[in-house]
Amino acid sequence: MDTIVESEADEASVSDAVPIREISRVTGVNTVTLRAWERRYGLLIPQRTAKGHRLYSRSDIERVKEIQVWLGRGLAIGKVKALLADEQRGDAVPEIDSIWLQLTQQIQMAITAFNRNQLERLIEETFSLYPIPMIADYLLLPLIAELQGDESGKPVRRAFFTAVLLEYIQAAQSRQRQAAHGAKILVVSAAQDDSPLLAQVLHYGLLVNQHQAEFWGYLNAKESLLAAEALGAKIVVIIGCEAVNTSELQLHLNLWRERSSVAVVLAGNVARVVRALSPDANTGFYACDSQQDLLTTINQLLKG
């Protein structure tokens, strides 16, 4: 009798659990990273099915969200477990040497030395251990800003970094796309000469969240409308990372207002320009200054 009761309790426990793809979708942390947090740092201890598949509890989801808070404050992933286990800490916030600043400096050194092997290792390690929107906001934005300009050496360092990072991102996108079965989202650049880096990272982050995302580079207003219709997109993201042509942007957004009911989310400089043009008005668009905010906004829109 006791064996039957224990079996029923185990089945109930399993029925309340979720697979790794679900915890990835809910938190935005890709499955590779979740497995690394489990194996390397013991941050998660999932249940296992008879076939060895990982199952996570609701408390695991909350733990992942708490980990993300500390990573956002700059704590290295290797130090998170000890902090979470410190019951004497209370509400006190420890001093933190920002992992984002350390990674930025390490990557800058690899770029300056044109050391492809070192740069590839740093990129792969970083993307395997940290959530993609955080990488975009806290690491890539400062790096891209530092590499802007035409001073001697900057264009070639920028070209080197762009080539190596895009090579990694595009391979990762191809692997992730196989598991993406959610809503269709179109990502377009706001300008023809805009850097593709942050747009491609955003594209990858959306795929990790299992959205069927497509990044089609720069499209003018009419072509963007045609693309969204052809794709059957639920959401369109217009991202601009560098200078934005204000007049062209206004024409673009006016056309969306007049001809489409698809939700439009604005990212990067596009969001800042729209806020500056209409600081007190409801533009009808969703402006997000960071990729973390953007991902949250998209998930909320899709929930209705």
Protein backbone atom coordinates (compact mmCIF):
# COMPACT_ATOMS: atom_id res chain seq x y z
CA MET A 1 0.00 0.00 0.00
CA ASP A 2 2.81 2.42 0.92
CA THR A 3 4.45 1.71 -2.43
CA ILE A 4 1.24 2.61 -4.27
CA VAL A 5 0.90 5.89 -2.35
CA GLU A 6 4.53 6.82 -3.05
CA SER A 7 4.05 6.01 -6.74
CA GLU A 8 0.96 8.22 -6.93
CA ALA A 9 2.86 11.06 -5.22
CA ASP A 10 5.71 10.73 -7.70
CA GLU A 11 3.29 10.82 -10.63
CA ALA A 12 1.63 13.95 -9.23
CA SER A 13 5.02 15.58 -8.82
CA VAL A 14 5.98 14.78 -12.40
CA SER A 15 2.61 15.99 -13.71
CA ASP A 16 3.27 19.43 -12.21
CA ALA A 17 6.73 19.65 -13.77
CA VAL A 18 7.67 21.13 -17.14
CA PRO A 19 10.29 20.07 -19.71
CA ILE A 20 13.43 22.07 -20.40
CA ARG A 21 11.99 23.69 -23.53
CA GLU A 22 9.17 25.19 -21.44
CA ILE A 23 11.44 26.68 -18.79
CA SER A 24 13.52 28.06 -21.68
CA ARG A 25 10.42 29.64 -23.26
CA VAL A 26 9.20 31.17 -20.00
CA THR A 27 12.56 32.59 -18.88
CA GLY A 28 14.27 33.29 -22.22
CA VAL A 29 17.34 31.28 -21.14
CA ASN A 30 18.32 28.81 -23.83
CA THR A 31 18.50 25.10 -23.13
CA VAL A 32 22.28 24.95 -23.59
CA THR A 33 22.69 27.55 -20.84
CA LEU A 34 20.23 25.80 -18.50
CA ARG A 35 22.15 22.56 -18.89
CA ALA A 36 25.44 24.38 -18.22
CA TRP A 37 24.00 25.92 -15.03
CA GLU A 38 23.02 22.42 -13.93
CA ARG A 39 26.20 20.52 -14.84
CA ARG A 40 28.88 23.09 -14.08
CA TYR A 41 27.41 25.01 -11.17
CA GLY A 42 24.67 22.85 -9.63
CA LEU A 43 22.22 25.74 -9.83
CA LEU A 44 19.36 23.49 -10.93
CA ILE A 45 18.58 19.89 -9.97
CA PRO A 46 15.80 18.72 -12.29
CA GLN A 47 13.81 15.54 -11.94
CA ARG A 48 14.34 12.87 -14.58
CA THR A 49 11.80 10.81 -16.48
CA ALA A 50 12.32 7.10 -17.03
CA LYS A 51 13.92 8.00 -20.36
CA GLY A 52 16.25 10.53 -18.74
CA HIS A 53 14.49 13.73 -19.87
CA ARG A 54 14.79 16.72 -17.55
CA LEU A 55 11.67 18.01 -15.76
CA TYR A 56 11.56 21.27 -13.81
CA SER A 57 9.27 22.48 -11.05
CA ARG A 58 7.64 25.89 -10.75
CA SER A 59 10.19 26.73 -8.07
CA ASP A 60 12.95 26.03 -10.61
CA ILE A 61 11.43 28.65 -12.88
CA GLU A 62 11.46 31.19 -10.05
CA ARG A 63 15.06 30.24 -9.26
CA VAL A 64 16.09 30.89 -12.87
CA LYS A 65 14.43 34.30 -12.72
CA GLU A 66 16.30 35.08 -9.48
CA ILE A 67 19.57 34.04 -11.11
CA GLN A 68 18.82 36.42 -13.98
CA VAL A 69 18.38 39.30 -11.51
CA TRP A 70 21.85 38.73 -10.10
CA LEU A 71 23.42 38.34 -13.53
CA GLY A 72 21.82 41.65 -14.49
CA ARG A 73 23.60 43.24 -11.54
CA GLY A 74 26.90 41.96 -12.89
CA LEU A 75 27.47 38.90 -10.71
CA ALA A 76 29.42 36.14 -12.47
CA ILE A 77 27.46 32.91 -12.92
CA GLY A 78 30.11 31.00 -10.96
CA LYS A 79 29.36 33.08 -7.84
CA VAL A 80 25.57 32.83 -7.92
CA LYS A 81 25.17 29.53 -6.06
CA ALA A 82 27.10 30.68 -2.99
CA LEU A 83 25.10 33.91 -2.85
CA LEU A 84 21.73 32.14 -3.12
CA ALA A 85 22.80 29.72 -0.38
CA ASP A 86 23.77 32.54 2.00
CA GLU A 87 20.77 32.64 4.31
CA GLN A 88 22.45 35.25 6.53
CA ARG A 89 22.60 37.80 3.72
CA GLY A 90 19.01 38.99 4.16
CA ASP A 91 18.30 41.99 1.94
CA ALA A 92 21.92 43.15 1.87
CA VAL A 93 23.39 43.53 -1.62
CA PRO A 94 27.01 42.37 -1.83
CA GLU A 95 29.73 44.31 -3.62
CA ILE A 96 29.99 43.01 -7.17
CA ASP A 97 32.86 43.19 -9.65
CA SER A 98 30.89 43.40 -12.88
CA ILE A 99 31.33 40.32 -15.06
CA TRP A 100 30.11 42.40 -18.00
CA LEU A 101 32.98 44.86 -17.64
CA GLN A 102 35.46 41.97 -17.35
CA LEU A 103 34.09 40.25 -20.45
CA THR A 104 34.11 43.53 -22.39
CA GLN A 105 37.79 44.05 -21.58
CA GLN A 106 38.71 40.46 -22.47
CA ILE A 107 36.91 40.64 -25.82
CA GLN A 108 38.45 44.04 -26.60
CA MET A 109 41.91 42.53 -26.07
CA ALA A 110 41.14 39.62 -28.40
CA ILE A 111 39.84 42.04 -31.05
CA THR A 112 42.86 44.32 -30.79
CA ALA A 113 45.18 41.31 -31.18
CA PHE A 114 43.05 39.90 -34.05
CA ASN A 115 43.12 36.62 -32.14
CA ARG A 116 40.30 34.63 -33.75
CA ASN A 117 40.71 31.55 -31.56
CA GLN A 118 40.54 33.59 -28.35
CA LEU A 119 37.59 35.64 -29.60
CA GLU A 120 35.66 32.54 -30.67
CA ARG A 121 36.30 30.93 -27.28
CA LEU A 122 35.07 34.02 -25.40
CA ILE A 123 31.95 34.31 -27.57
CA GLU A 124 31.06 30.64 -27.24
CA GLU A 125 31.65 30.62 -23.48
CA THR A 126 29.64 33.79 -22.94
CA PHE A 127 26.66 32.68 -25.03
CA SER A 128 26.62 29.28 -23.31
CA LEU A 129 26.52 30.77 -19.78
CA TYR A 130 24.49 34.00 -19.98
CA PRO A 131 21.00 34.93 -21.27
CA ILE A 132 21.08 36.39 -24.77
CA PRO A 133 19.19 39.66 -24.06
CA MET A 134 21.66 40.44 -21.25
CA ILE A 135 24.58 39.79 -23.57
CA ALA A 136 23.09 42.25 -26.04
CA ASP A 137 22.37 44.97 -23.47
CA TYR A 138 25.39 44.73 -21.17
CA LEU A 139 28.15 43.42 -23.42
CA LEU A 140 27.52 43.98 -27.12
CA LEU A 141 26.16 47.53 -26.91
CA PRO A 142 29.32 48.86 -25.19
CA LEU A 143 31.56 46.90 -27.58
CA ILE A 144 29.75 48.16 -30.68
CA ALA A 145 29.83 51.74 -29.38
CA GLU A 146 33.58 51.49 -28.71
CA LEU A 147 34.21 50.20 -32.24
CA GLN A 148 32.31 53.00 -33.98
CA GLY A 149 34.16 55.70 -35.90
CA ASP A 150 36.72 55.96 -38.69
CA GLU A 151 39.87 56.48 -36.63
CA SER A 152 42.83 54.42 -37.76
CA GLY A 153 42.32 50.76 -36.90
CA LYS A 154 38.67 50.97 -35.86
CA PRO A 155 37.11 49.94 -39.19
CA VAL A 156 39.27 46.82 -39.42
CA ARG A 157 38.67 45.84 -35.79
CA ARG A 158 34.95 46.40 -36.29
CA ALA A 159 34.97 44.24 -39.44
CA PHE A 160 36.88 41.46 -37.64
CA PHE A 161 34.54 41.41 -34.64
CA THR A 162 31.44 41.55 -36.85
CA ALA A 163 32.60 38.65 -39.01
CA VAL A 164 33.47 36.36 -36.09
CA LEU A 165 30.34 37.12 -34.07
CA LEU A 166 27.97 36.77 -37.04
CA GLU A 167 29.55 33.43 -37.93
CA TYR A 168 28.77 32.13 -34.44
CA ILE A 169 25.27 33.65 -34.25
CA GLN A 170 24.12 32.37 -37.63
CA ALA A 171 25.24 28.81 -36.85
CA ALA A 172 23.42 29.01 -33.49
CA GLN A 173 20.27 30.34 -35.19
CA SER A 174 20.22 27.40 -37.58
CA ARG A 175 20.33 24.93 -34.68
CA GLN A 176 17.71 26.78 -32.66
CA ARG A 177 15.24 27.20 -35.52
CA GLN A 178 14.41 23.48 -35.45
CA ALA A 179 12.69 23.89 -32.07
CA ALA A 180 10.91 27.17 -32.89
CA HIS A 181 7.19 26.55 -33.33
CA GLY A 182 5.66 29.66 -31.79
CA ALA A 183 4.35 32.92 -33.22
CA LYS A 184 5.87 34.36 -36.37
CA ILE A 185 7.85 37.55 -35.81
CA LEU A 186 9.50 39.69 -38.50
CA VAL A 187 12.62 41.70 -37.60
CA VAL A 188 13.76 44.48 -39.95
CA SER A 189 16.49 47.11 -39.78
CA ALA A 190 15.56 50.78 -39.75
CA ALA A 191 18.34 51.79 -42.16
CA GLN A 192 20.27 50.22 -45.03
CA ASP A 193 23.69 50.81 -43.49
CA ASP A 194 22.75 49.73 -39.96
CA SER A 195 24.99 47.17 -38.25
CA PRO A 196 23.38 43.71 -38.35
CA LEU A 197 24.91 42.56 -35.07
CA LEU A 198 22.24 43.51 -32.53
CA ALA A 199 19.44 42.63 -34.94
CA GLN A 200 20.91 39.18 -35.44
CA VAL A 201 21.36 38.68 -31.70
CA LEU A 202 17.73 39.73 -31.19
CA HIS A 203 16.71 37.29 -33.91
CA TYR A 204 18.58 34.52 -32.09
CA GLY A 205 16.99 35.45 -28.76
CA LEU A 206 13.51 35.22 -30.29
CA LEU A 207 14.31 31.78 -31.69
CA VAL A 208 15.46 30.68 -28.23
CA ASN A 209 12.02 31.73 -26.98
CA GLN A 210 10.65 29.38 -29.66
CA HIS A 211 9.18 32.17 -31.77
CA GLN A 212 9.40 31.63 -35.53
CA ALA A 213 11.49 34.73 -36.07
CA GLU A 214 12.83 36.00 -39.38
CA PHE A 215 15.41 38.77 -39.87
CA TRP A 216 15.27 40.17 -43.39
CA GLY A 217 17.61 43.14 -43.05
CA TYR A 218 16.49 46.58 -44.24
CA LEU A 219 13.13 46.95 -45.94
CA ASN A 220 11.34 50.20 -46.74
CA ALA A 221 7.85 50.79 -45.40
CA LYS A 222 5.90 49.24 -48.29
CA GLU A 223 8.17 46.22 -48.51
CA SER A 224 7.96 45.69 -44.74
CA LEU A 225 4.17 45.58 -44.98
CA LEU A 226 4.35 43.06 -47.82
CA ALA A 227 6.86 40.95 -45.88
CA ALA A 228 4.72 40.89 -42.73
CA GLU A 229 1.67 39.85 -44.75
CA ALA A 230 3.57 37.16 -46.66
CA LEU A 231 5.05 35.76 -43.45
CA GLY A 232 1.80 35.98 -41.49
CA ALA A 233 3.69 37.84 -38.77
CA LYS A 234 1.96 38.52 -35.45
CA ILE A 235 4.57 41.14 -34.52
CA VAL A 236 7.06 43.26 -36.45
CA VAL A 237 10.21 44.56 -34.76
CA ILE A 238 11.93 47.60 -36.27
CA ILE A 239 15.42 47.90 -34.84
CA GLY A 240 17.92 50.70 -35.39
CA CYS A 241 21.32 50.62 -33.75
CA GLU A 242 22.95 53.68 -35.33
CA ALA A 243 21.75 57.02 -36.73
CA VAL A 244 18.08 57.05 -37.70
CA ASN A 245 16.60 59.10 -40.58
CA THR A 246 13.75 60.76 -38.69
CA SER A 247 11.70 61.72 -41.75
CA GLU A 248 11.92 58.24 -43.25
CA LEU A 249 11.03 56.68 -39.88
CA GLN A 250 7.94 58.87 -39.51
CA LEU A 251 6.75 57.93 -43.01
CA HIS A 252 7.38 54.27 -42.21
CA LEU A 253 5.38 54.35 -38.99
CA ASN A 254 2.53 56.39 -40.52
CA LEU A 255 2.13 53.70 -43.18
CA TRP A 256 1.92 51.00 -40.51
CA ARG A 257 -0.79 53.00 -38.69
CA GLU A 258 -2.84 53.39 -41.86
CA ARG A 259 -2.55 49.95 -43.41
CA SER A 260 -1.83 47.29 -40.81
CA SER A 261 -3.14 45.98 -37.51
CA VAL A 262 0.07 44.03 -36.80
CA ALA A 263 1.73 45.06 -33.53
CA VAL A 264 4.94 47.03 -34.13
CA VAL A 265 7.72 47.00 -31.54
CA LEU A 266 10.53 49.55 -31.79
CA ALA A 267 14.03 48.81 -30.54
CA GLY A 268 17.33 50.62 -30.08
CA ASN A 269 17.71 54.14 -31.47
CA VAL A 270 14.32 53.83 -33.19
CA ALA A 271 12.62 53.66 -29.78
CA ARG A 272 14.56 56.66 -28.48
CA VAL A 273 13.80 58.76 -31.58
CA VAL A 274 10.06 58.01 -31.40
CA ARG A 275 9.98 58.92 -27.69
CA ALA A 276 11.79 62.19 -28.41
CA LEU A 277 9.37 63.08 -31.21
CA SER A 278 6.28 62.27 -29.15
CA PRO A 279 7.23 62.34 -25.45
CA ASP A 280 3.66 62.78 -24.20
CA ALA A 281 1.63 61.12 -26.93
CA ASN A 282 0.46 57.56 -27.36
CA THR A 283 2.19 56.60 -30.61
CA GLY A 284 0.42 53.27 -30.94
CA PHE A 285 3.78 51.49 -31.02
CA TYR A 286 5.76 49.71 -28.33
CA ALA A 287 9.12 51.38 -27.73
CA CYS A 288 11.79 49.33 -25.92
CA ASP A 289 15.22 50.65 -24.98
CA SER A 290 16.74 47.24 -24.21
CA GLN A 291 16.49 43.74 -25.61
CA GLN A 292 15.38 42.52 -22.19
CA ASP A 293 12.42 44.93 -22.26
CA LEU A 294 11.71 44.01 -25.86
CA LEU A 295 11.50 40.29 -25.13
CA THR A 296 9.19 40.94 -22.17
CA THR A 297 6.97 43.18 -24.31
CA ILE A 298 6.71 40.61 -27.10
CA ASN A 299 5.81 37.80 -24.71
CA GLN A 300 3.15 40.00 -23.08
CA LEU A 301 1.67 40.94 -26.49
CA LEU A 302 1.44 37.32 -27.52
CA LYS A 303 -0.32 36.41 -24.28
CA GLY A 304 -2.98 39.01 -25.16
